[in-house]
Amino acid sequence: MRTPVYGTLAALAVLSASGAAQAAEGGMPQLNFHDFPPQIVWLVIAFVVLYLVMSKAAIPAISGTLDKRQAKIQGDLDAAEKASEETRALVAAYEKRLNDAREEARRLQRERTEADNAAATARLAELGQRLGAKIDEAEKRIAGQRTTVLEGIEDMAHDIAAEVYGKLSGQPADKAALGKKIALAKGGR
């Protein structure tokens, strides 16, 4: 591959040297009509040599570099897409776990609230029964004390009436007759 390149370069050097010699004779050699056919031949030879050099050496190297670059870009794009898909999957899994945790927390809170409500209802019912029992006991005690007080009032009324009668009349009162009158007054109410 290097041999044709060096040969081509040598031919170009010879060509330029011959052109310099012609230029020394006078005038521009490119405009000399007698030199057109050899110039066209050398132009075609130079074009073919440059074409072969470019097609065999430079273009494949450039093409290889472009292919490698495209492959790297495509690989990077594929890796980025894969990473993006993995990230989406991780985000979806995270959101699912977060929603599951929220639902579990709501369920536990609901259960705890129901348990607390049931316990409070049971305690309230127990407290209601105890208070009802105490109220019943207090009512019985009050009724008993009322009966005792009323009996005591009746006895006091007998004593007061006998004393008042004794002071007003100057003689002791008949307790049996006085009891009938108090019972008659008590029954009238």
C-alpha atoms as a PDB file:
ATOM      1  CA  MET A   1       0.000   0.000   0.000  1.00  0.00           C
ATOM      2  CA  ARG A   2       2.837   2.406   0.791  1.00  0.00           C
ATOM      3  CA  THR A   3       4.797   1.582  -2.363  1.00  0.00           C
ATOM      4  CA  PRO A   4       2.135   2.939  -4.767  1.00  0.00           C
ATOM      5  CA  VAL A   5       1.811   6.052  -2.639  1.00  0.00           C
ATOM      6  CA  TYR A   6       5.548   6.735  -2.732  1.00  0.00           C
ATOM      7  CA  GLY A   7       5.588   6.014  -6.468  1.00  0.00           C
ATOM      8  CA  THR A   8       2.759   8.473  -6.997  1.00  0.00           C
ATOM      9  CA  LEU A   9       4.537  11.112  -4.983  1.00  0.00           C
ATOM     10  CA  ALA A  10       7.720  10.586  -7.013  1.00  0.00           C
ATOM     11  CA  ALA A  11       5.761  10.940 -10.251  1.00  0.00           C
ATOM     12  CA  LEU A  12       4.232  14.170  -9.036  1.00  0.00           C
ATOM     13  CA  ALA A  13       7.697  15.502  -8.115  1.00  0.00           C
ATOM     14  CA  VAL A  14       8.978  14.710 -11.618  1.00  0.00           C
ATOM     15  CA  LEU A  15       5.915  16.343 -13.137  1.00  0.00           C
ATOM     16  CA  SER A  16       6.410  19.519 -11.144  1.00  0.00           C
ATOM     17  CA  ALA A  17      10.109  19.642 -12.039  1.00  0.00           C
ATOM     18  CA  SER A  18       9.316  19.376 -15.745  1.00  0.00           C
ATOM     19  CA  GLY A  19       6.693  22.095 -15.380  1.00  0.00           C
ATOM     20  CA  ALA A  20       9.277  24.369 -13.744  1.00  0.00           C
ATOM     21  CA  ALA A  21      11.667  23.807 -16.660  1.00  0.00           C
ATOM     22  CA  GLN A  22       8.958  24.732 -19.140  1.00  0.00           C
ATOM     23  CA  ALA A  23       8.079  27.816 -17.183  1.00  0.00           C
ATOM     24  CA  ALA A  24      11.705  28.903 -17.465  1.00  0.00           C
ATOM     25  CA  GLU A  25      11.405  28.778 -21.308  1.00  0.00           C
ATOM     26  CA  GLY A  26       8.754  31.448 -21.224  1.00  0.00           C
ATOM     27  CA  GLY A  27       5.017  31.752 -20.735  1.00  0.00           C
ATOM     28  CA  MET A  28       2.689  29.667 -18.726  1.00  0.00           C
ATOM     29  CA  PRO A  29       2.855  25.987 -19.614  1.00  0.00           C
ATOM     30  CA  GLN A  30      -0.807  25.494 -18.789  1.00  0.00           C
ATOM     31  CA  LEU A  31      -1.771  27.750 -21.626  1.00  0.00           C
ATOM     32  CA  ASN A  32       0.586  26.123 -24.137  1.00  0.00           C
ATOM     33  CA  PHE A  33      -1.720  24.197 -26.495  1.00  0.00           C
ATOM     34  CA  HIS A  34       1.037  21.749 -27.465  1.00  0.00           C
ATOM     35  CA  ASP A  35       1.196  20.588 -23.835  1.00  0.00           C
ATOM     36  CA  PHE A  36      -2.566  19.989 -23.362  1.00  0.00           C
ATOM     37  CA  PRO A  37      -2.622  16.241 -24.157  1.00  0.00           C
ATOM     38  CA  PRO A  38       0.188  15.353 -21.715  1.00  0.00           C
ATOM     39  CA  GLN A  39      -1.356  17.598 -19.048  1.00  0.00           C
ATOM     40  CA  ILE A  40      -4.701  15.865 -19.471  1.00  0.00           C
ATOM     41  CA  VAL A  41      -2.999  12.463 -19.234  1.00  0.00           C
ATOM     42  CA  TRP A  42      -1.187  13.510 -16.058  1.00  0.00           C
ATOM     43  CA  LEU A  43      -4.409  14.987 -14.687  1.00  0.00           C
ATOM     44  CA  VAL A  44      -6.196  11.686 -15.258  1.00  0.00           C
ATOM     45  CA  ILE A  45      -3.265   9.730 -13.739  1.00  0.00           C
ATOM     46  CA  ALA A  46      -3.174  12.051 -10.700  1.00  0.00           C
ATOM     47  CA  PHE A  47      -6.940  11.850 -10.308  1.00  0.00           C
ATOM     48  CA  VAL A  48      -6.902   8.016 -10.536  1.00  0.00           C
ATOM     49  CA  VAL A  49      -3.996   7.787  -8.058  1.00  0.00           C
ATOM     50  CA  LEU A  50      -5.690  10.178  -5.614  1.00  0.00           C
ATOM     51  CA  TYR A  51      -8.971   8.312  -6.071  1.00  0.00           C
ATOM     52  CA  LEU A  52      -7.276   4.970  -5.366  1.00  0.00           C
ATOM     53  CA  VAL A  53      -5.428   6.368  -2.325  1.00  0.00           C
ATOM     54  CA  MET A  54      -8.619   7.915  -0.968  1.00  0.00           C
ATOM     55  CA  SER A  55     -10.766   4.851  -1.678  1.00  0.00           C
ATOM     56  CA  LYS A  56      -8.234   2.357  -0.280  1.00  0.00           C
ATOM     57  CA  ALA A  57      -6.786   4.270   2.683  1.00  0.00           C
ATOM     58  CA  ALA A  58      -8.616   7.393   3.785  1.00  0.00           C
ATOM     59  CA  ILE A  59     -12.254   6.571   3.124  1.00  0.00           C
ATOM     60  CA  PRO A  60     -12.161   3.152   4.847  1.00  0.00           C
ATOM     61  CA  ALA A  61     -10.431   4.729   7.863  1.00  0.00           C
ATOM     62  CA  ILE A  62     -13.001   7.526   7.998  1.00  0.00           C
ATOM     63  CA  SER A  63     -15.820   5.051   7.412  1.00  0.00           C
ATOM     64  CA  GLY A  64     -14.495   2.788  10.170  1.00  0.00           C
ATOM     65  CA  THR A  65     -14.274   5.709  12.558  1.00  0.00           C
ATOM     66  CA  LEU A  66     -17.805   6.793  11.673  1.00  0.00           C
ATOM     67  CA  ASP A  67     -19.085   3.215  12.122  1.00  0.00           C
ATOM     68  CA  LYS A  68     -17.351   2.927  15.509  1.00  0.00           C
ATOM     69  CA  ARG A  69     -18.745   6.283  16.525  1.00  0.00           C
ATOM     70  CA  GLN A  70     -22.258   5.322  15.420  1.00  0.00           C
ATOM     71  CA  ALA A  71     -21.960   1.984  17.236  1.00  0.00           C
ATOM     72  CA  LYS A  72     -20.820   3.769  20.418  1.00  0.00           C
ATOM     73  CA  ILE A  73     -23.648   6.298  20.135  1.00  0.00           C
ATOM     74  CA  GLN A  74     -26.177   3.516  19.552  1.00  0.00           C
ATOM     75  CA  GLY A  75     -24.720   1.548  22.467  1.00  0.00           C
ATOM     76  CA  ASP A  76     -24.960   4.601  24.703  1.00  0.00           C
ATOM     77  CA  LEU A  77     -28.549   5.217  23.566  1.00  0.00           C
ATOM     78  CA  ASP A  78     -29.451   1.575  24.216  1.00  0.00           C
ATOM     79  CA  ALA A  79     -27.817   1.720  27.649  1.00  0.00           C
ATOM     80  CA  ALA A  80     -29.640   4.965  28.429  1.00  0.00           C
ATOM     81  CA  GLU A  81     -32.970   3.453  27.322  1.00  0.00           C
ATOM     82  CA  LYS A  82     -32.320   0.360  29.429  1.00  0.00           C
ATOM     83  CA  ALA A  83     -31.409   2.523  32.430  1.00  0.00           C
ATOM     84  CA  SER A  84     -34.542   4.595  31.843  1.00  0.00           C
ATOM     85  CA  GLU A  85     -36.709   1.464  31.749  1.00  0.00           C
ATOM     86  CA  GLU A  86     -35.054   0.148  34.916  1.00  0.00           C
ATOM     87  CA  THR A  87     -35.629   3.509  36.587  1.00  0.00           C
ATOM     88  CA  ARG A  88     -39.285   3.500  35.547  1.00  0.00           C
ATOM     89  CA  ALA A  89     -39.631  -0.038  36.901  1.00  0.00           C
ATOM     90  CA  LEU A  90     -37.966   0.967  40.176  1.00  0.00           C
ATOM     91  CA  VAL A  91     -40.189   4.049  40.481  1.00  0.00           C
ATOM     92  CA  ALA A  92     -43.290   1.941  39.789  1.00  0.00           C
ATOM     93  CA  ALA A  93     -42.186  -0.632  42.392  1.00  0.00           C
ATOM     94  CA  TYR A  94     -41.485   2.161  44.887  1.00  0.00           C
ATOM     95  CA  GLU A  95     -44.887   3.747  44.294  1.00  0.00           C
ATOM     96  CA  LYS A  96     -46.580   0.347  44.662  1.00  0.00           C
ATOM     97  CA  ARG A  97     -44.744  -0.312  47.923  1.00  0.00           C
ATOM     98  CA  LEU A  98     -45.607   3.198  49.116  1.00  0.00           C
ATOM     99  CA  ASN A  99     -49.300   2.701  48.278  1.00  0.00           C
ATOM    100  CA  ASP A 100     -49.269  -0.723  49.946  1.00  0.00           C
ATOM    101  CA  ALA A 101     -47.689   0.796  53.056  1.00  0.00           C
ATOM    102  CA  ARG A 102     -50.309   3.556  53.105  1.00  0.00           C
ATOM    103  CA  GLU A 103     -53.124   1.047  52.750  1.00  0.00           C
ATOM    104  CA  GLU A 104     -51.609  -1.072  55.513  1.00  0.00           C
ATOM    105  CA  ALA A 105     -51.328   2.001  57.755  1.00  0.00           C
ATOM    106  CA  ARG A 106     -54.959   2.916  57.043  1.00  0.00           C
ATOM    107  CA  ARG A 107     -56.071  -0.651  57.746  1.00  0.00           C
ATOM    108  CA  LEU A 108     -54.112  -0.726  61.021  1.00  0.00           C
ATOM    109  CA  GLN A 109     -55.485   2.676  61.998  1.00  0.00           C
ATOM    110  CA  ARG A 110     -59.016   1.525  61.186  1.00  0.00           C
ATOM    111  CA  GLU A 111     -58.539  -1.669  63.217  1.00  0.00           C
ATOM    112  CA  ARG A 112     -57.027   0.295  66.098  1.00  0.00           C
ATOM    113  CA  THR A 113     -59.886   2.807  65.992  1.00  0.00           C
ATOM    114  CA  GLU A 114     -62.452   0.009  65.973  1.00  0.00           C
ATOM    115  CA  ALA A 115     -60.671  -1.735  68.847  1.00  0.00           C
ATOM    116  CA  ASP A 116     -60.478   1.543  70.801  1.00  0.00           C
ATOM    117  CA  ASN A 117     -64.148   2.247  70.099  1.00  0.00           C
ATOM    118  CA  ALA A 118     -65.120  -1.240  71.214  1.00  0.00           C
ATOM    119  CA  ALA A 119     -63.027  -0.900  74.383  1.00  0.00           C
ATOM    120  CA  ALA A 120     -64.486   2.550  75.085  1.00  0.00           C
ATOM    121  CA  THR A 121     -68.006   1.241  74.516  1.00  0.00           C
ATOM    122  CA  ALA A 122     -67.356  -1.671  76.866  1.00  0.00           C
ATOM    123  CA  ARG A 123     -65.883   0.651  79.513  1.00  0.00           C
ATOM    124  CA  LEU A 124     -68.777   3.065  79.073  1.00  0.00           C
ATOM    125  CA  ALA A 125     -71.288   0.237  79.448  1.00  0.00           C
ATOM    126  CA  GLU A 126     -69.473  -1.024  82.554  1.00  0.00           C
ATOM    127  CA  LEU A 127     -69.345   2.496  83.969  1.00  0.00           C
ATOM    128  CA  GLY A 128     -73.060   2.921  83.158  1.00  0.00           C
ATOM    129  CA  GLN A 129     -73.849  -0.319  85.008  1.00  0.00           C
ATOM    130  CA  ARG A 130     -71.755   0.681  88.016  1.00  0.00           C
ATOM    131  CA  LEU A 131     -73.300   4.147  88.088  1.00  0.00           C
ATOM    132  CA  GLY A 132     -76.771   2.619  87.667  1.00  0.00           C
ATOM    133  CA  ALA A 133     -76.076   0.275  90.586  1.00  0.00           C
ATOM    134  CA  LYS A 134     -74.797   3.159  92.724  1.00  0.00           C
ATOM    135  CA  ILE A 135     -77.805   5.301  91.763  1.00  0.00           C
ATOM    136  CA  ASP A 136     -80.164   2.453  92.659  1.00  0.00           C
ATOM    137  CA  GLU A 137     -78.333   1.962  95.946  1.00  0.00           C
ATOM    138  CA  ALA A 138     -78.447   5.716  96.644  1.00  0.00           C
ATOM    139  CA  GLU A 139     -82.170   5.825  95.816  1.00  0.00           C
ATOM    140  CA  LYS A 140     -82.792   2.935  98.212  1.00  0.00           C
ATOM    141  CA  ARG A 141     -80.765   4.680 100.887  1.00  0.00           C
ATOM    142  CA  ILE A 142     -82.596   7.948 100.284  1.00  0.00           C
ATOM    143  CA  ALA A 143     -85.944   6.136 100.394  1.00  0.00           C
ATOM    144  CA  GLY A 144     -84.898   4.435 103.626  1.00  0.00           C
ATOM    145  CA  GLN A 145     -83.707   7.717 105.122  1.00  0.00           C
ATOM    146  CA  ARG A 146     -86.874   9.408 103.944  1.00  0.00           C
ATOM    147  CA  THR A 147     -88.979   6.795 105.645  1.00  0.00           C
ATOM    148  CA  THR A 148     -86.873   7.162 108.778  1.00  0.00           C
ATOM    149  CA  VAL A 149     -87.120  10.958 108.649  1.00  0.00           C
ATOM    150  CA  LEU A 150     -90.874  10.813 108.060  1.00  0.00           C
ATOM    151  CA  GLU A 151     -91.296   8.464 110.982  1.00  0.00           C
ATOM    152  CA  GLY A 152     -89.084  10.760 113.046  1.00  0.00           C
ATOM    153  CA  ILE A 153     -91.152  13.773 111.923  1.00  0.00           C
ATOM    154  CA  GLU A 154     -94.328  11.980 112.890  1.00  0.00           C
ATOM    155  CA  ASP A 155     -92.881  11.207 116.317  1.00  0.00           C
ATOM    156  CA  MET A 156     -91.693  14.775 116.596  1.00  0.00           C
ATOM    157  CA  ALA A 157     -95.098  16.024 115.539  1.00  0.00           C
ATOM    158  CA  HIS A 158     -96.659  13.882 118.301  1.00  0.00           C
ATOM    159  CA  ASP A 159     -94.227  15.279 120.851  1.00  0.00           C
ATOM    160  CA  ILE A 160     -94.648  18.897 119.691  1.00  0.00           C
ATOM    161  CA  ALA A 161     -98.426  18.589 119.565  1.00  0.00           C
ATOM    162  CA  ALA A 162     -98.522  17.057 123.069  1.00  0.00           C
ATOM    163  CA  GLU A 163     -96.274  19.777 124.415  1.00  0.00           C
ATOM    164  CA  VAL A 164     -98.221  22.597 122.741  1.00  0.00           C
ATOM    165  CA  TYR A 165    -101.494  21.121 123.969  1.00  0.00           C
ATOM    166  CA  GLY A 166    -100.063  20.807 127.470  1.00  0.00           C
ATOM    167  CA  LYS A 167     -98.926  24.432 127.516  1.00  0.00           C
ATOM    168  CA  LEU A 168    -102.147  25.763 126.047  1.00  0.00           C
ATOM    169  CA  SER A 169    -104.544  23.715 128.128  1.00  0.00           C
ATOM    170  CA  GLY A 170    -102.406  23.373 131.182  1.00  0.00           C
ATOM    171  CA  GLN A 171    -102.966  19.623 131.443  1.00  0.00           C
ATOM    172  CA  PRO A 172    -101.235  16.644 129.775  1.00  0.00           C
ATOM    173  CA  ALA A 173    -102.583  15.577 126.362  1.00  0.00           C
ATOM    174  CA  ASP A 174    -104.203  12.243 125.569  1.00  0.00           C
ATOM    175  CA  LYS A 175    -101.656  10.628 123.278  1.00  0.00           C
ATOM    176  CA  ALA A 176    -104.139   8.249 121.600  1.00  0.00           C
ATOM    177  CA  ALA A 177    -106.589  11.039 120.687  1.00  0.00           C
ATOM    178  CA  LEU A 178    -103.705  13.224 119.577  1.00  0.00           C
ATOM    179  CA  GLY A 179    -102.338  10.382 117.345  1.00  0.00           C
ATOM    180  CA  LYS A 180    -105.744  10.036 115.626  1.00  0.00           C
ATOM    181  CA  LYS A 181    -105.890  13.767 114.902  1.00  0.00           C
ATOM    182  CA  ILE A 182    -102.313  13.758 113.504  1.00  0.00           C
ATOM    183  CA  ALA A 183    -103.094  10.699 111.349  1.00  0.00           C
ATOM    184  CA  LEU A 184    -106.268  12.424 110.144  1.00  0.00           C
ATOM    185  CA  ALA A 185    -104.248  15.563 109.268  1.00  0.00           C
ATOM    186  CA  LYS A 186    -101.554  13.479 107.577  1.00  0.00           C
ATOM    187  CA  GLY A 187    -104.095  11.545 105.517  1.00  0.00           C
ATOM    188  CA  GLY A 188    -105.749  14.761 104.347  1.00  0.00           C
ATOM    189  CA  ARG A 189    -102.726  15.903 102.479  1.00  0.00           C
END
